[in-house]
C-alpha atoms as a PDB file:
ATOM      1  CA  UNK A   1     -20.740  49.724  28.432  1.00  0.00           C
ATOM      2  CA  UNK A   2     -17.020  50.184  27.865  1.00  0.00           C
ATOM      3  CA  UNK A   3     -15.880  53.528  29.315  1.00  0.00           C
ATOM      4  CA  UNK A   4     -13.706  54.034  26.253  1.00  0.00           C
ATOM      5  CA  UNK A   5     -16.608  53.751  23.835  1.00  0.00           C
ATOM      6  CA  UNK A   6     -17.229  56.709  21.544  1.00  0.00           C
ATOM      7  CA  UNK A   7     -21.004  56.135  21.694  1.00  0.00           C
ATOM      8  CA  UNK A   8     -23.144  56.896  24.762  1.00  0.00           C
ATOM      9  CA  UNK A   9     -26.359  54.886  24.900  1.00  0.00           C
ATOM     10  CA  UNK A  10     -29.311  56.527  26.634  1.00  0.00           C
ATOM     11  CA  UNK A  11     -33.109  56.480  26.753  1.00  0.00           C
ATOM     12  CA  UNK A  12     -34.847  59.809  26.087  1.00  0.00           C
ATOM     13  CA  UNK A  13     -38.398  61.029  26.677  1.00  0.00           C
ATOM     14  CA  UNK A  14     -40.641  63.296  24.631  1.00  0.00           C
ATOM     15  CA  UNK A  15     -43.185  64.804  27.027  1.00  0.00           C
ATOM     16  CA  UNK A  16     -45.704  67.186  25.467  1.00  0.00           C
ATOM     17  CA  UNK A  17     -48.392  69.322  27.060  1.00  0.00           C
ATOM     18  CA  UNK A  18     -51.892  70.004  25.695  1.00  0.00           C
ATOM     19  CA  UNK A  19     -50.591  73.042  23.782  1.00  0.00           C
ATOM     20  CA  UNK A  20     -48.096  70.924  21.824  1.00  0.00           C
ATOM     21  CA  UNK A  21     -45.031  72.163  23.691  1.00  0.00           C
ATOM     22  CA  UNK A  22     -42.202  69.731  24.456  1.00  0.00           C
ATOM     23  CA  UNK A  23     -40.378  69.517  27.773  1.00  0.00           C
ATOM     24  CA  UNK A  24     -36.587  69.974  27.721  1.00  0.00           C
ATOM     25  CA  UNK A  25     -34.176  70.121  30.650  1.00  0.00           C
ATOM     26  CA  UNK A  26     -30.815  71.741  31.456  1.00  0.00           C
ATOM     27  CA  UNK A  27     -28.280  70.155  33.780  1.00  0.00           C
ATOM     28  CA  UNK A  28     -26.292  72.108  36.365  1.00  0.00           C
ATOM     29  CA  UNK A  29     -23.148  73.583  34.886  1.00  0.00           C
ATOM     30  CA  UNK A  30     -24.483  73.337  31.319  1.00  0.00           C
ATOM     31  CA  UNK A  31     -26.049  75.903  28.996  1.00  0.00           C
ATOM     32  CA  UNK A  32     -27.585  73.346  26.633  1.00  0.00           C
ATOM     33  CA  UNK A  33     -31.112  71.961  26.897  1.00  0.00           C
ATOM     34  CA  UNK A  34     -31.633  68.245  26.272  1.00  0.00           C
ATOM     35  CA  UNK A  35     -34.413  65.661  26.458  1.00  0.00           C
ATOM     36  CA  UNK A  36     -35.243  64.175  29.852  1.00  0.00           C
ATOM     37  CA  UNK A  37     -33.846  60.681  30.339  1.00  0.00           C
ATOM     38  CA  UNK A  38     -30.532  59.021  30.971  1.00  0.00           C
ATOM     39  CA  UNK A  39     -28.337  55.947  30.836  1.00  0.00           C
ATOM     40  CA  UNK A  40     -29.596  52.476  31.548  1.00  0.00           C
ATOM     41  CA  UNK A  41     -28.555  50.667  34.676  1.00  0.00           C
ATOM     42  CA  UNK A  42     -27.711  46.994  34.559  1.00  0.00           C
ATOM     43  CA  UNK A  43     -30.790  44.810  34.058  1.00  0.00           C
ATOM     44  CA  UNK A  44     -33.131  47.689  33.191  1.00  0.00           C
ATOM     45  CA  UNK A  45     -35.380  47.847  30.165  1.00  0.00           C
ATOM     46  CA  UNK A  46     -35.670  51.109  28.260  1.00  0.00           C
ATOM     47  CA  UNK A  47     -39.010  51.978  29.855  1.00  0.00           C
ATOM     48  CA  UNK A  48     -37.764  51.109  33.334  1.00  0.00           C
ATOM     49  CA  UNK A  49     -34.860  53.501  32.780  1.00  0.00           C
ATOM     50  CA  UNK A  50     -37.223  56.282  31.734  1.00  0.00           C
ATOM     51  CA  UNK A  51     -39.528  55.612  34.657  1.00  0.00           C
ATOM     52  CA  UNK A  52     -36.632  55.889  37.109  1.00  0.00           C
ATOM     53  CA  UNK A  53     -34.994  58.928  35.488  1.00  0.00           C
ATOM     54  CA  UNK A  54     -38.216  60.921  35.219  1.00  0.00           C
ATOM     55  CA  UNK A  55     -39.017  60.323  38.859  1.00  0.00           C
ATOM     56  CA  UNK A  56     -35.495  61.153  40.045  1.00  0.00           C
ATOM     57  CA  UNK A  57     -34.979  64.244  37.878  1.00  0.00           C
ATOM     58  CA  UNK A  58     -38.510  65.653  37.518  1.00  0.00           C
ATOM     59  CA  UNK A  59     -40.515  64.123  40.362  1.00  0.00           C
ATOM     60  CA  UNK A  60     -43.195  62.681  38.046  1.00  0.00           C
ATOM     61  CA  UNK A  61     -44.551  59.188  37.496  1.00  0.00           C
ATOM     62  CA  UNK A  62     -44.427  57.921  33.938  1.00  0.00           C
ATOM     63  CA  UNK A  63     -47.647  56.388  32.614  1.00  0.00           C
ATOM     64  CA  UNK A  64     -46.048  53.300  31.087  1.00  0.00           C
ATOM     65  CA  UNK A  65     -49.127  52.344  29.074  1.00  0.00           C
ATOM     66  CA  UNK A  66     -48.890  55.604  27.093  1.00  0.00           C
ATOM     67  CA  UNK A  67     -45.308  55.061  25.880  1.00  0.00           C
ATOM     68  CA  UNK A  68     -44.859  55.204  22.102  1.00  0.00           C
ATOM     69  CA  UNK A  69     -41.497  54.346  20.572  1.00  0.00           C
ATOM     70  CA  UNK A  70     -40.462  57.174  18.234  1.00  0.00           C
ATOM     71  CA  UNK A  71     -37.169  55.658  17.119  1.00  0.00           C
ATOM     72  CA  UNK A  72     -33.448  55.504  17.857  1.00  0.00           C
ATOM     73  CA  UNK A  73     -31.437  58.635  17.052  1.00  0.00           C
ATOM     74  CA  UNK A  74     -27.749  59.521  17.105  1.00  0.00           C
ATOM     75  CA  UNK A  75     -25.892  62.832  17.119  1.00  0.00           C
ATOM     76  CA  UNK A  76     -23.014  64.677  18.841  1.00  0.00           C
ATOM     77  CA  UNK A  77     -22.960  64.475  22.654  1.00  0.00           C
ATOM     78  CA  UNK A  78     -23.024  67.972  24.149  1.00  0.00           C
ATOM     79  CA  UNK A  79     -21.670  67.031  27.590  1.00  0.00           C
ATOM     80  CA  UNK A  80     -18.919  64.650  26.446  1.00  0.00           C
ATOM     81  CA  UNK A  81     -16.907  66.162  23.556  1.00  0.00           C
ATOM     82  CA  UNK A  82     -15.744  63.761  20.866  1.00  0.00           C
ATOM     83  CA  UNK A  83     -18.512  61.282  21.560  1.00  0.00           C
ATOM     84  CA  UNK A  84     -21.840  60.428  19.969  1.00  0.00           C
ATOM     85  CA  UNK A  85     -25.064  59.920  21.881  1.00  0.00           C
ATOM     86  CA  UNK A  86     -27.483  57.194  20.795  1.00  0.00           C
ATOM     87  CA  UNK A  87     -31.005  57.680  22.190  1.00  0.00           C
ATOM     88  CA  UNK A  88     -33.883  55.234  22.243  1.00  0.00           C
ATOM     89  CA  UNK A  89     -36.713  57.748  22.280  1.00  0.00           C
ATOM     90  CA  UNK A  90     -40.253  57.372  23.597  1.00  0.00           C
ATOM     91  CA  UNK A  91     -43.195  59.743  23.711  1.00  0.00           C
ATOM     92  CA  UNK A  92     -44.756  59.380  27.155  1.00  0.00           C
ATOM     93  CA  UNK A  93     -47.376  60.950  29.400  1.00  0.00           C
ATOM     94  CA  UNK A  94     -46.594  61.645  33.042  1.00  0.00           C
ATOM     95  CA  UNK A  95     -48.595  61.992  36.223  1.00  0.00           C
ATOM     96  CA  UNK A  96     -47.698  65.114  38.154  1.00  0.00           C
ATOM     97  CA  UNK A  97     -46.125  68.497  37.489  1.00  0.00           C
ATOM     98  CA  UNK A  98     -42.459  68.300  36.416  1.00  0.00           C
ATOM     99  CA  UNK A  99     -40.074  70.081  38.787  1.00  0.00           C
ATOM    100  CA  UNK A 100     -36.303  70.362  38.411  1.00  0.00           C
ATOM    101  CA  UNK A 101     -34.610  67.947  40.821  1.00  0.00           C
ATOM    102  CA  UNK A 102     -31.278  66.145  41.335  1.00  0.00           C
ATOM    103  CA  UNK A 103     -28.836  67.247  38.617  1.00  0.00           C
ATOM    104  CA  UNK A 104     -31.477  69.198  36.653  1.00  0.00           C
ATOM    105  CA  UNK A 105     -31.231  72.958  37.176  1.00  0.00           C
ATOM    106  CA  UNK A 106     -33.928  74.187  34.768  1.00  0.00           C
ATOM    107  CA  UNK A 107     -36.868  72.821  32.825  1.00  0.00           C
ATOM    108  CA  UNK A 108     -38.627  74.541  29.955  1.00  0.00           C
ATOM    109  CA  UNK A 109     -41.646  73.874  27.760  1.00  0.00           C
ATOM    110  CA  UNK A 110     -40.770  74.817  24.182  1.00  0.00           C
ATOM    111  CA  UNK A 111     -42.666  75.106  20.933  1.00  0.00           C
ATOM    112  CA  UNK A 112     -40.787  72.870  18.463  1.00  0.00           C
ATOM    113  CA  UNK A 113     -41.722  75.300  15.670  1.00  0.00           C
ATOM    114  CA  UNK A 114     -40.331  78.304  17.543  1.00  0.00           C
ATOM    115  CA  UNK A 115     -37.127  77.395  19.361  1.00  0.00           C
ATOM    116  CA  UNK A 116     -34.412  78.665  17.022  1.00  0.00           C
ATOM    117  CA  UNK A 117     -32.939  80.914  19.737  1.00  0.00           C
ATOM    118  CA  UNK A 118     -32.894  78.223  22.411  1.00  0.00           C
ATOM    119  CA  UNK A 119     -29.515  76.519  23.049  1.00  0.00           C
ATOM    120  CA  UNK A 120     -30.717  73.026  22.215  1.00  0.00           C
ATOM    121  CA  UNK A 121     -28.686  69.838  21.827  1.00  0.00           C
ATOM    122  CA  UNK A 122     -28.180  68.699  18.191  1.00  0.00           C
ATOM    123  CA  UNK A 123     -29.817  65.382  19.053  1.00  0.00           C
ATOM    124  CA  UNK A 124     -33.010  67.172  20.070  1.00  0.00           C
ATOM    125  CA  UNK A 125     -33.043  69.864  17.407  1.00  0.00           C
ATOM    126  CA  UNK A 126     -32.051  67.811  14.361  1.00  0.00           C
ATOM    127  CA  UNK A 127     -33.197  64.279  15.209  1.00  0.00           C
ATOM    128  CA  UNK A 128     -35.858  64.071  17.883  1.00  0.00           C
ATOM    129  CA  UNK A 129     -37.871  67.254  17.330  1.00  0.00           C
ATOM    130  CA  UNK A 130     -38.721  66.606  13.637  1.00  0.00           C
ATOM    131  CA  UNK A 131     -40.089  63.176  14.548  1.00  0.00           C
ATOM    132  CA  UNK A 132     -41.816  64.548  17.643  1.00  0.00           C
ATOM    133  CA  UNK A 133     -43.603  67.164  15.540  1.00  0.00           C
ATOM    134  CA  UNK A 134     -45.067  64.434  13.316  1.00  0.00           C
ATOM    135  CA  UNK A 135     -46.113  62.546  16.433  1.00  0.00           C
ATOM    136  CA  UNK A 136     -47.802  65.677  17.795  1.00  0.00           C
ATOM    137  CA  UNK A 137     -49.809  66.049  14.581  1.00  0.00           C
ATOM    138  CA  UNK A 138     -50.893  62.408  14.778  1.00  0.00           C
ATOM    139  CA  UNK A 139     -51.847  62.903  18.433  1.00  0.00           C
ATOM    140  CA  UNK A 140     -53.959  65.937  17.537  1.00  0.00           C
ATOM    141  CA  UNK A 141     -55.826  63.929  14.888  1.00  0.00           C
ATOM    142  CA  UNK A 142     -56.479  61.096  17.367  1.00  0.00           C
ATOM    143  CA  UNK A 143     -57.726  63.533  19.994  1.00  0.00           C
ATOM    144  CA  UNK A 144     -59.992  65.215  17.491  1.00  0.00           C
ATOM    145  CA  UNK A 145     -61.497  61.863  16.497  1.00  0.00           C
ATOM    146  CA  UNK A 146     -61.866  60.870  20.151  1.00  0.00           C
ATOM    147  CA  UNK A 147     -63.818  64.034  20.896  1.00  0.00           C
ATOM    148  CA  UNK A 148     -66.155  63.587  17.945  1.00  0.00           C
ATOM    149  CA  UNK A 149     -66.737  59.887  18.665  1.00  0.00           C
ATOM    150  CA  UNK A 150     -69.249  60.372  21.461  1.00  0.00           C
ATOM    151  CA  UNK A 151     -72.834  59.035  21.684  1.00  0.00           C
ATOM    152  CA  UNK A 152     -74.641  62.301  20.904  1.00  0.00           C
ATOM    153  CA  UNK A 153     -72.546  62.941  17.815  1.00  0.00           C
ATOM    154  CA  UNK A 154     -72.946  59.358  16.619  1.00  0.00           C
ATOM    155  CA  UNK A 155     -76.733  59.552  17.036  1.00  0.00           C
ATOM    156  CA  UNK A 156     -76.961  62.768  15.030  1.00  0.00           C
ATOM    157  CA  UNK A 157     -74.766  61.332  12.266  1.00  0.00           C
ATOM    158  CA  UNK A 158     -76.871  58.150  12.146  1.00  0.00           C
ATOM    159  CA  UNK A 159     -80.110  60.165  11.918  1.00  0.00           C
ATOM    160  CA  UNK A 160     -78.652  62.305   9.141  1.00  0.00           C
ATOM    161  CA  UNK A 161     -77.689  59.241   7.125  1.00  0.00           C
ATOM    162  CA  UNK A 162     -81.124  57.685   7.626  1.00  0.00           C
ATOM    163  CA  UNK A 163     -82.837  60.836   6.342  1.00  0.00           C
ATOM    164  CA  UNK A 164     -80.372  61.670   3.564  1.00  0.00           C
ATOM    165  CA  UNK A 165     -79.443  58.471   1.767  1.00  0.00           C
ATOM    166  CA  UNK A 166     -82.814  56.701   1.215  1.00  0.00           C
ATOM    167  CA  UNK A 167     -84.036  59.759  -0.699  1.00  0.00           C
ATOM    168  CA  UNK A 168     -80.760  60.689  -2.391  1.00  0.00           C
ATOM    169  CA  UNK A 169     -79.803  57.183  -3.516  1.00  0.00           C
ATOM    170  CA  UNK A 170     -82.453  56.856  -6.275  1.00  0.00           C
ATOM    171  CA  UNK A 171     -81.303  60.125  -7.858  1.00  0.00           C
ATOM    172  CA  UNK A 172     -77.693  58.918  -7.717  1.00  0.00           C
ATOM    173  CA  UNK A 173     -78.715  55.690  -9.460  1.00  0.00           C
ATOM    174  CA  UNK A 174     -80.603  57.665 -12.110  1.00  0.00           C
ATOM    175  CA  UNK A 175     -77.348  59.477 -12.871  1.00  0.00           C
ATOM    176  CA  UNK A 176     -75.687  56.170 -13.790  1.00  0.00           C
ATOM    177  CA  UNK A 177     -75.959  55.348 -17.535  1.00  0.00           C
ATOM    178  CA  UNK A 178     -78.196  52.355 -18.378  1.00  0.00           C
ATOM    179  CA  UNK A 179     -79.042  51.817 -14.688  1.00  0.00           C
ATOM    180  CA  UNK A 180     -80.751  55.187 -14.610  1.00  0.00           C
ATOM    181  CA  UNK A 181     -82.554  54.520 -17.869  1.00  0.00           C
ATOM    182  CA  UNK A 182     -84.000  51.268 -16.583  1.00  0.00           C
ATOM    183  CA  UNK A 183     -85.100  52.920 -13.323  1.00  0.00           C
ATOM    184  CA  UNK A 184     -86.867  55.814 -15.062  1.00  0.00           C
ATOM    185  CA  UNK A 185     -88.618  53.654 -17.661  1.00  0.00           C
ATOM    186  CA  UNK A 186     -89.709  51.075 -15.062  1.00  0.00           C
ATOM    187  CA  UNK A 187     -90.977  53.780 -12.728  1.00  0.00           C
ATOM    188  CA  UNK A 188     -92.844  55.517 -15.541  1.00  0.00           C
ATOM    189  CA  UNK A 189     -94.601  52.345 -16.598  1.00  0.00           C
ATOM    190  CA  UNK A 190     -95.512  51.487 -13.017  1.00  0.00           C
ATOM    191  CA  UNK A 191     -97.160  54.922 -12.747  1.00  0.00           C
ATOM    192  CA  UNK A 192     -99.176  54.294 -15.915  1.00  0.00           C
ATOM    193  CA  UNK A 193     -97.251  56.697 -18.125  1.00  0.00           C
ATOM    194  CA  UNK A 194     -97.069  55.984 -21.840  1.00  0.00           C
ATOM    195  CA  UNK A 195     -93.348  55.764 -22.531  1.00  0.00           C
ATOM    196  CA  UNK A 196     -93.826  55.523 -26.282  1.00  0.00           C
ATOM    197  CA  UNK A 197     -92.425  57.986 -28.742  1.00  0.00           C
ATOM    198  CA  UNK A 198     -95.641  59.684 -29.785  1.00  0.00           C
ATOM    199  CA  UNK A 199     -97.614  60.232 -26.632  1.00  0.00           C
ATOM    200  CA  UNK A 200     -96.776  60.996 -23.019  1.00  0.00           C
ATOM    201  CA  UNK A 201     -99.529  60.829 -20.434  1.00  0.00           C
ATOM    202  CA  UNK A 202     -99.157  63.542 -17.789  1.00  0.00           C
ATOM    203  CA  UNK A 203     -98.704  61.285 -14.749  1.00  0.00           C
ATOM    204  CA  UNK A 204     -98.519  62.902 -11.344  1.00  0.00           C
ATOM    205  CA  UNK A 205     -96.227  61.807  -8.502  1.00  0.00           C
ATOM    206  CA  UNK A 206     -95.796  63.771  -5.242  1.00  0.00           C
ATOM    207  CA  UNK A 207     -97.641  66.695  -6.844  1.00  0.00           C
ATOM    208  CA  UNK A 208     -95.081  66.650  -9.673  1.00  0.00           C
ATOM    209  CA  UNK A 209     -96.024  66.258 -13.353  1.00  0.00           C
ATOM    210  CA  UNK A 210     -93.563  63.613 -14.495  1.00  0.00           C
ATOM    211  CA  UNK A 211     -94.896  63.166 -18.005  1.00  0.00           C
ATOM    212  CA  UNK A 212     -92.822  65.933 -19.591  1.00  0.00           C
ATOM    213  CA  UNK A 213     -89.704  64.715 -17.843  1.00  0.00           C
ATOM    214  CA  UNK A 214     -90.073  61.205 -19.233  1.00  0.00           C
ATOM    215  CA  UNK A 215     -90.953  62.402 -22.709  1.00  0.00           C
ATOM    216  CA  UNK A 216     -88.214  61.639 -25.204  1.00  0.00           C
ATOM    217  CA  UNK A 217     -86.263  59.668 -22.601  1.00  0.00           C
ATOM    218  CA  UNK A 218     -86.777  56.217 -24.075  1.00  0.00           C
ATOM    219  CA  UNK A 219     -85.810  56.828 -27.713  1.00  0.00           C
ATOM    220  CA  UNK A 220     -82.045  56.530 -27.894  1.00  0.00           C
ATOM    221  CA  UNK A 221     -81.856  56.527 -24.098  1.00  0.00           C
ATOM    222  CA  UNK A 222     -79.302  53.755 -23.880  1.00  0.00           C
ATOM    223  CA  UNK A 223     -77.102  55.525 -26.412  1.00  0.00           C
ATOM    224  CA  UNK A 224     -77.490  58.885 -24.724  1.00  0.00           C
ATOM    225  CA  UNK A 225     -76.776  57.706 -21.205  1.00  0.00           C
ATOM    226  CA  UNK A 226     -74.203  60.463 -20.683  1.00  0.00           C
ATOM    227  CA  UNK A 227     -77.136  62.835 -20.139  1.00  0.00           C
ATOM    228  CA  UNK A 228     -78.232  60.882 -17.076  1.00  0.00           C
ATOM    229  CA  UNK A 229     -76.420  63.111 -14.533  1.00  0.00           C
ATOM    230  CA  UNK A 230     -78.195  66.170 -15.915  1.00  0.00           C
ATOM    231  CA  UNK A 231     -81.536  64.377 -15.873  1.00  0.00           C
ATOM    232  CA  UNK A 232     -80.926  63.251 -12.295  1.00  0.00           C
ATOM    233  CA  UNK A 233     -80.183  66.845 -11.278  1.00  0.00           C
ATOM    234  CA  UNK A 234     -83.411  68.035 -12.944  1.00  0.00           C
ATOM    235  CA  UNK A 235     -85.378  65.310 -11.167  1.00  0.00           C
ATOM    236  CA  UNK A 236     -83.860  66.173  -7.779  1.00  0.00           C
ATOM    237  CA  UNK A 237     -84.577  69.871  -8.274  1.00  0.00           C
ATOM    238  CA  UNK A 238     -88.178  69.099  -9.212  1.00  0.00           C
ATOM    239  CA  UNK A 239     -88.518  66.853  -6.147  1.00  0.00           C
ATOM    240  CA  UNK A 240     -87.345  69.491  -3.652  1.00  0.00           C
ATOM    241  CA  UNK A 241     -89.925  71.901  -5.100  1.00  0.00           C
ATOM    242  CA  UNK A 242     -92.705  69.623  -3.813  1.00  0.00           C
ATOM    243  CA  UNK A 243     -93.883  69.807  -0.192  1.00  0.00           C
ATOM    244  CA  UNK A 244     -92.424  66.368   0.476  1.00  0.00           C
ATOM    245  CA  UNK A 245     -89.093  67.402  -1.007  1.00  0.00           C
ATOM    246  CA  UNK A 246     -89.117  70.698   0.912  1.00  0.00           C
ATOM    247  CA  UNK A 247     -89.784  68.865   4.187  1.00  0.00           C
ATOM    248  CA  UNK A 248     -86.959  66.433   3.439  1.00  0.00           C
ATOM    249  CA  UNK A 249     -84.576  69.279   2.628  1.00  0.00           C
ATOM    250  CA  UNK A 250     -85.545  71.078   5.838  1.00  0.00           C
ATOM    251  CA  UNK A 251     -84.906  67.927   7.875  1.00  0.00           C
ATOM    252  CA  UNK A 252     -81.484  67.418   6.271  1.00  0.00           C
ATOM    253  CA  UNK A 253     -80.525  71.071   6.791  1.00  0.00           C
ATOM    254  CA  UNK A 254     -81.625  70.985  10.434  1.00  0.00           C
ATOM    255  CA  UNK A 255     -79.603  67.841  11.184  1.00  0.00           C
ATOM    256  CA  UNK A 256     -76.532  69.282   9.449  1.00  0.00           C
ATOM    257  CA  UNK A 257     -76.829  72.480  11.487  1.00  0.00           C
ATOM    258  CA  UNK A 258     -77.258  70.576  14.773  1.00  0.00           C
ATOM    259  CA  UNK A 259     -74.298  68.351  13.929  1.00  0.00           C
ATOM    260  CA  UNK A 260     -72.096  71.362  13.123  1.00  0.00           C
ATOM    261  CA  UNK A 261     -73.024  73.169  16.345  1.00  0.00           C
ATOM    262  CA  UNK A 262     -72.350  70.086  18.459  1.00  0.00           C
ATOM    263  CA  UNK A 263     -69.067  69.479  16.634  1.00  0.00           C
ATOM    264  CA  UNK A 264     -67.871  73.011  17.416  1.00  0.00           C
ATOM    265  CA  UNK A 265     -68.810  72.648  21.075  1.00  0.00           C
ATOM    266  CA  UNK A 266     -67.016  69.330  21.366  1.00  0.00           C
ATOM    267  CA  UNK A 267     -63.830  70.663  19.749  1.00  0.00           C
ATOM    268  CA  UNK A 268     -63.904  73.718  22.017  1.00  0.00           C
ATOM    269  CA  UNK A 269     -64.329  71.643  25.181  1.00  0.00           C
ATOM    270  CA  UNK A 270     -61.531  71.518  27.780  1.00  0.00           C
ATOM    271  CA  UNK A 271     -59.463  69.734  28.827  1.00  0.00           C
ATOM    272  CA  UNK A 272     -58.193  67.691  25.931  1.00  0.00           C
ATOM    273  CA  UNK A 273     -58.243  63.932  26.454  1.00  0.00           C
ATOM    274  CA  UNK A 274     -54.883  62.191  26.849  1.00  0.00           C
END
């Protein structure tokens, strides 16, 4: 790069701990904290530059496979007045505990939401940190999903679906206009109920008298399909009052409770995965 250029090109790192704090560094003779990183040497790629700088300045090994490009940002250079600094920025994980070395006098882990009093470079405060905070939120979501995607949790979820949906689906279909009417009428006839206007035979299904429920359902049923959701709710309520329905409800409630307890334990587990 031309020494007379008004733009300084560097590669910068966003290193975050499990608490969501970001590592910043302060050089000797400076009061301003900046992102770890530095200028490229001839023939280096951006990640090779970061790998070298992090080892030289902090004594840590960069895990190259974890690098995520956050963007290229430009702002005023704090160590070279009158110039701009242009930073290719990567979020990376490192192996080892960062320690100030070489030209670095101090390192600090800072909360990006609570660093107003810290003397921070404009590039970090106004450009990198806002993007890094969005990245941290995305990382938290990924970690949460990773924790919950384990065999025990998947088995409980599968069992819950197997118990819940085969029973619940017919009531959902009953709530659909026309579809629900056809289901109810067909089921009533298959049970031997008289679905005519004048007489309803008191058929019994799962210890439930369905005759009264079906009464009046066929006359004008296709025109009055908007009542289907209410009828489905009545049918579901009547079902859970039977011993079969009560057993089904108990099974669903037990699986939900087990799933919730396991979920809480998984989210409370330490350490967080990378």
